[in-house]
Amino acid sequence: MMTQLDVFQTLADPTRRSIVEALQGGERQVNDIVQVAGVHQSGVSRHLRILQEAGFVSMRPDGQRRLYSLKPGPFQTLETWLAQYRNLWEARLDRFGDALEEKRKARNNPDTEQG
């Protein structure tokens, strides 16, 4: 349970979510992330370190550059946790859809409402 909590705590920060979104397209340098995320370089570096420590991001040196990319592990953990609740959500949506359909039928056929 602690792992899921760490995943949520890590992604709770809006700056870290912006960085994750910036990395969805693939590897990026810090300066590229700064431009996309709209955060100062020192802030991006700090949040990248947190994301790296939490296992969300990996860093690959390329000469003088450091390229950051997303790692799938924490996202798979998050997906596994969310999957437990997907059936609950889908069942509720199915019941809602059924109720809407009943209401539509009743509206189109007023004779069925007598009784």
Protein backbone atom coordinates (compact mmCIF):
# COMPACT_ATOMS: atom_id res chain seq x y z
CA MET A 1 0.00 0.00 0.00
CA MET A 2 2.88 2.37 0.69
CA THR A 3 4.01 2.15 -2.95
CA GLN A 4 0.66 3.40 -4.24
CA LEU A 5 0.71 6.20 -1.70
CA ASP A 6 4.16 7.22 -2.90
CA VAL A 7 2.98 7.21 -6.51
CA PHE A 8 0.07 9.49 -5.67
CA GLN A 9 2.18 11.77 -3.50
CA THR A 10 4.74 12.09 -6.25
CA LEU A 11 2.14 13.03 -8.86
CA ALA A 12 0.19 15.30 -6.49
CA ASP A 13 2.48 18.22 -7.27
CA PRO A 14 1.30 20.13 -10.38
CA THR A 15 4.87 20.96 -11.44
CA ARG A 16 5.81 17.28 -11.44
CA ARG A 17 2.69 16.47 -13.45
CA SER A 18 3.73 19.15 -15.97
CA ILE A 19 7.17 17.59 -16.22
CA VAL A 20 5.65 14.13 -16.72
CA GLU A 21 3.44 15.55 -19.47
CA ALA A 22 6.48 17.21 -21.07
CA LEU A 23 8.26 13.83 -21.13
CA GLN A 24 5.38 11.94 -22.72
CA GLY A 25 6.82 12.58 -26.16
CA GLY A 26 10.15 11.00 -25.31
CA GLU A 27 13.57 12.02 -24.05
CA ARG A 28 14.20 15.67 -23.29
CA GLN A 29 16.95 17.84 -21.90
CA VAL A 30 16.29 19.97 -18.83
CA ASN A 31 16.14 23.15 -20.95
CA ASP A 32 13.47 21.61 -23.18
CA ILE A 33 11.44 20.64 -20.11
CA VAL A 34 11.83 24.17 -18.71
CA GLN A 35 10.27 25.60 -21.89
CA VAL A 36 7.39 23.12 -21.98
CA ALA A 37 6.65 23.09 -18.24
CA GLY A 38 7.05 26.83 -17.76
CA VAL A 39 9.12 26.45 -14.59
CA HIS A 40 12.60 27.81 -13.82
CA GLN A 41 15.53 25.49 -14.45
CA SER A 42 16.29 25.07 -10.75
CA GLY A 43 12.68 24.01 -10.07
CA VAL A 44 12.68 21.55 -12.97
CA SER A 45 15.97 20.05 -11.77
CA ARG A 46 14.61 19.66 -8.23
CA HIS A 47 11.40 18.03 -9.40
CA LEU A 48 13.28 15.79 -11.86
CA ARG A 49 15.37 14.55 -8.93
CA ILE A 50 12.20 13.75 -6.97
CA LEU A 51 10.67 11.99 -9.98
CA GLN A 52 13.90 10.07 -10.51
CA GLU A 53 14.06 8.98 -6.86
CA ALA A 54 10.42 7.85 -7.05
CA GLY A 55 11.23 5.78 -10.15
CA PHE A 56 9.18 7.82 -12.63
CA VAL A 57 12.11 9.21 -14.60
CA SER A 58 15.45 7.94 -15.79
CA MET A 59 18.44 10.01 -16.86
CA ARG A 60 20.79 9.08 -19.67
CA PRO A 61 24.02 10.98 -20.11
CA ASP A 62 24.80 11.95 -23.72
CA GLY A 63 28.11 13.79 -23.78
CA GLN A 64 27.52 17.08 -21.98
CA ARG A 65 23.76 16.61 -22.03
CA ARG A 66 21.52 14.70 -19.67
CA LEU A 67 18.43 13.28 -21.29
CA TYR A 68 15.42 12.47 -19.14
CA SER A 69 12.65 10.03 -20.01
CA LEU A 70 9.72 8.36 -18.32
CA LYS A 71 9.98 4.87 -16.88
CA PRO A 72 6.88 2.67 -17.20
CA GLY A 73 7.03 0.97 -13.77
CA PRO A 74 5.23 3.52 -11.60
CA PHE A 75 2.62 4.10 -14.28
CA GLN A 76 1.96 0.36 -14.44
CA THR A 77 1.59 0.34 -10.65
CA LEU A 78 -0.88 3.19 -10.92
CA GLU A 79 -2.79 1.41 -13.70
CA THR A 80 -2.97 -1.79 -11.62
CA TRP A 81 -4.32 0.13 -8.65
CA LEU A 82 -6.90 1.97 -10.78
CA ALA A 83 -8.00 -1.26 -12.47
CA GLN A 84 -9.39 -2.44 -9.14
CA TYR A 85 -11.94 0.37 -9.32
CA ARG A 86 -12.67 0.29 -13.04
CA ASN A 87 -15.39 -2.37 -12.64
CA LEU A 88 -17.06 -0.25 -9.97
CA TRP A 89 -17.07 2.80 -12.24
CA GLU A 90 -18.23 0.82 -15.26
CA ALA A 91 -21.07 -0.80 -13.28
CA ARG A 92 -22.25 2.62 -12.12
CA LEU A 93 -22.08 3.99 -15.63
CA ASP A 94 -24.01 0.98 -16.92
CA ARG A 95 -26.76 1.57 -14.33
CA PHE A 96 -26.84 5.25 -15.24
CA GLY A 97 -27.12 4.36 -18.93
CA ASP A 98 -29.94 1.93 -18.17
CA ALA A 99 -31.79 4.60 -16.17
CA LEU A 100 -31.42 7.09 -19.02
CA GLU A 101 -32.69 4.53 -21.50
CA GLU A 102 -35.74 3.80 -19.30
CA LYS A 103 -36.44 7.50 -19.03
CA ARG A 104 -36.13 7.91 -22.81
CA LYS A 105 -38.50 5.01 -23.41
CA ALA A 106 -41.03 6.39 -20.92
CA ARG A 107 -40.87 9.81 -22.57
CA ASN A 108 -41.43 8.31 -26.02
CA ASN A 109 -44.27 6.04 -24.86
CA PRO A 110 -46.42 7.87 -22.29
CA ASP A 111 -48.90 4.96 -22.15
CA THR A 112 -46.39 2.86 -20.18
CA GLU A 113 -46.43 5.34 -17.30
CA GLN A 114 -50.09 4.66 -16.47
CA GLY A 115 -50.79 2.28 -13.72
